[in-house]
Protein backbone atom coordinates (compact mmCIF):
# COMPACT_ATOMS: atom_id res chain seq x y z
CA MET A 1 -17.88 12.70 33.81
CA ALA A 2 -19.81 11.40 37.17
CA GLU A 3 -23.51 10.00 36.68
CA SER A 4 -26.10 12.49 38.31
CA SER A 5 -29.19 11.13 38.02
CA GLY A 6 -28.17 7.56 39.81
CA ASN A 7 -28.72 5.57 36.46
CA PRO A 8 -26.25 3.20 35.26
CA PRO A 9 -23.53 4.45 32.54
CA ALA A 10 -24.84 3.88 28.88
CA GLU A 11 -23.59 0.91 27.23
CA ARG A 12 -20.45 1.54 25.33
CA ILE A 13 -19.76 0.81 21.80
CA GLY A 14 -16.03 0.24 20.64
CA TYR A 15 -14.54 -0.62 17.30
CA ILE A 16 -11.45 -2.44 16.62
CA THR A 17 -9.73 -2.81 13.59
CA ARG A 18 -7.13 -5.37 12.50
CA VAL A 19 -4.75 -4.90 9.68
CA GLN A 20 -3.35 -7.57 7.52
CA SER A 21 -1.42 -7.83 4.15
CA PHE A 22 -1.47 -10.32 1.82
CA SER A 23 -0.21 -11.11 -1.70
CA ALA A 24 -2.00 -12.31 -4.61
CA CYS A 25 -2.63 -12.48 -8.50
CA HIS A 26 -5.42 -12.79 -10.46
CA ARG A 27 -6.85 -11.46 -13.80
CA LEU A 28 -9.95 -9.32 -14.22
CA HIS A 29 -12.17 -10.92 -16.92
CA SER A 30 -15.97 -11.89 -17.02
CA LEU A 31 -17.02 -15.07 -18.53
CA ARG A 32 -20.05 -12.96 -18.98
CA LEU A 33 -18.16 -10.84 -22.24
CA SER A 34 -16.20 -11.47 -25.10
CA ASP A 35 -12.64 -11.53 -24.88
CA GLU A 36 -13.00 -8.08 -26.99
CA GLU A 37 -15.18 -6.62 -24.14
CA ASN A 38 -12.95 -7.82 -21.44
CA LYS A 39 -9.75 -5.96 -23.20
CA GLU A 40 -12.15 -3.23 -23.38
CA VAL A 41 -13.73 -3.05 -19.83
CA TYR A 42 -10.58 -4.37 -18.13
CA GLY A 43 -7.52 -3.07 -19.97
CA LYS A 44 -4.19 -3.93 -18.98
CA CYS A 45 -5.79 -5.87 -15.76
CA ASN A 46 -7.05 -8.63 -18.48
CA ASN A 47 -3.98 -10.08 -19.26
CA PRO A 48 -4.26 -13.61 -19.62
CA TYR A 49 -1.24 -14.09 -17.63
CA GLY A 50 -2.56 -12.21 -14.76
CA HIS A 51 -1.16 -9.75 -11.96
CA GLY A 52 -0.36 -8.86 -8.52
CA HIS A 53 -0.94 -7.00 -5.64
CA ASN A 54 0.07 -6.86 -2.39
CA TYR A 55 -3.30 -6.20 -0.42
CA LYS A 56 -3.86 -4.66 2.70
CA VAL A 57 -6.96 -5.31 4.20
CA GLU A 58 -8.48 -3.90 7.33
CA VAL A 59 -11.26 -5.94 9.06
CA THR A 60 -13.39 -3.81 11.77
CA VAL A 61 -15.57 -5.18 14.26
CA ARG A 62 -18.07 -3.19 16.24
CA GLY A 63 -19.80 -3.92 19.63
CA LYS A 64 -20.40 -2.85 23.23
CA ILE A 65 -17.38 -2.92 25.37
CA ASP A 66 -17.76 -6.03 27.99
CA PRO A 67 -17.67 -4.31 31.67
CA VAL A 68 -15.50 -7.27 32.81
CA THR A 69 -12.94 -7.52 30.29
CA GLY A 70 -13.00 -4.22 28.61
CA MET A 71 -12.93 -5.51 25.42
CA VAL A 72 -15.23 -5.52 22.15
CA MET A 73 -13.69 -8.96 21.24
CA ASN A 74 -10.39 -10.82 22.01
CA LEU A 75 -8.18 -9.87 19.73
CA THR A 76 -6.34 -13.30 19.74
CA ASP A 77 -9.88 -14.80 18.73
CA LEU A 78 -9.76 -12.02 15.83
CA LYS A 79 -6.30 -12.63 14.63
CA ARG A 80 -7.46 -16.46 14.39
CA SER A 81 -10.46 -15.50 12.29
CA ILE A 82 -8.61 -13.70 10.12
CA GLU A 83 -5.56 -16.43 9.42
CA GLU A 84 -8.19 -18.98 8.73
CA VAL A 85 -10.70 -16.71 6.20
CA ILE A 86 -7.71 -14.33 4.67
CA MET A 87 -4.30 -15.81 4.92
CA ILE A 88 -4.54 -19.11 4.77
CA PRO A 89 -6.88 -19.50 1.47
CA LEU A 90 -6.07 -16.09 -0.23
CA ASP A 91 -2.15 -15.30 0.40
CA HIS A 92 0.18 -16.11 -2.30
CA LYS A 93 -2.50 -17.40 -4.40
CA ASN A 94 -3.94 -17.06 -7.48
CA LEU A 95 -7.58 -15.90 -6.69
CA ASP A 96 -9.08 -17.15 -9.98
CA LYS A 97 -7.16 -20.52 -10.10
CA ASP A 98 -6.76 -21.38 -6.54
CA VAL A 99 -10.05 -19.85 -4.77
CA PRO A 100 -13.67 -21.46 -5.67
CA TYR A 101 -15.35 -18.88 -5.64
CA PHE A 102 -13.67 -16.92 -8.28
CA ALA A 103 -13.97 -19.45 -10.67
CA ASP A 104 -16.99 -17.82 -11.91
CA VAL A 105 -17.11 -14.54 -9.92
CA VAL A 106 -14.90 -11.62 -11.56
CA SER A 107 -12.00 -11.14 -9.10
CA THR A 108 -12.25 -7.27 -8.50
CA THR A 109 -11.72 -5.95 -5.07
CA GLU A 110 -15.14 -5.27 -4.70
CA ASN A 111 -16.05 -9.09 -5.32
CA LEU A 112 -12.62 -10.05 -3.08
CA ALA A 113 -14.24 -7.53 -0.22
CA VAL A 114 -17.62 -9.66 -0.53
CA TYR A 115 -15.82 -12.97 -0.21
CA ILE A 116 -14.01 -11.75 2.78
CA TRP A 117 -16.97 -10.22 4.40
CA ASP A 118 -19.45 -13.55 3.80
CA ASN A 119 -16.56 -15.55 5.54
CA MET A 120 -15.31 -13.56 8.19
CA ALA A 121 -19.10 -13.04 9.06
CA LYS A 122 -19.40 -16.87 9.28
CA ALA A 123 -16.01 -16.88 11.75
CA LEU A 124 -17.39 -14.46 14.03
CA PRO A 125 -19.82 -13.92 16.60
CA ALA A 126 -23.08 -12.66 14.97
CA SER A 127 -23.36 -8.75 14.41
CA LEU A 128 -20.18 -7.95 15.11
CA LEU A 129 -18.11 -7.71 11.74
CA TYR A 130 -18.90 -3.82 10.72
CA GLU A 131 -16.37 -3.08 7.92
CA ILE A 132 -13.93 -4.78 5.31
CA ARG A 133 -11.44 -1.96 3.64
CA ILE A 134 -8.98 -3.51 1.11
CA HIS A 135 -6.16 -1.42 -0.11
CA GLU A 136 -5.57 -2.98 -3.30
CA THR A 137 -2.76 -0.21 -4.06
CA ASP A 138 -1.90 3.25 -2.13
CA LYS A 139 -4.45 4.74 -4.37
CA ASN A 140 -7.16 2.27 -4.96
CA ILE A 141 -9.58 1.39 -1.69
CA VAL A 142 -12.78 -1.14 -1.50
CA VAL A 143 -14.97 -0.64 1.76
CA TYR A 144 -17.89 -3.09 2.08
CA ARG A 145 -20.08 -3.05 5.02
CA GLY A 146 -22.46 -6.17 4.40
CA GLU A 147 -24.85 -3.76 1.93
C-alpha cells in the first residue's frame, strides 16, 4: 500500500517465537505445607521420588523490525540465549535439586515460567521479551508475560 501523504511508513512491530524442548523431573512439594497438606494439594505429583516431563517452551520476543536488517532480533542470538538460560541449567535435570532457584520455590510450571522469564529478560536486549509459553503436557500450558 503506497503512502499518499508523503510521510514515512509507520514503524513495524514484529513477533518472533522460538520453540525449544527439554526434559526434566521435579516433585511438587511446598515447604510451607505439612506432608499431609502437600499430598492433598499436589496428589500424585507429590510423589517423593518425583516425576518427569518433556517440556516444550516457546520464547516470544516483540520489537521494531529494523529497516536495515529486516529483523526484530537475530535468531542466532535468541537461540544462544535459550541455550544458556533453558537448556544448560534445566535439560535432563532434577529441578528441585539441581536448580538453586527451586530450593525454596515450588517447581510448578507457573514458577518455571517465571524463572525462565527472569533469566531470559537478563539475557536479551531490554524490553524485547514478550512471552514465555510452556507446554507441560499436551493439555497443560502455562503463559507468562512478566506481570
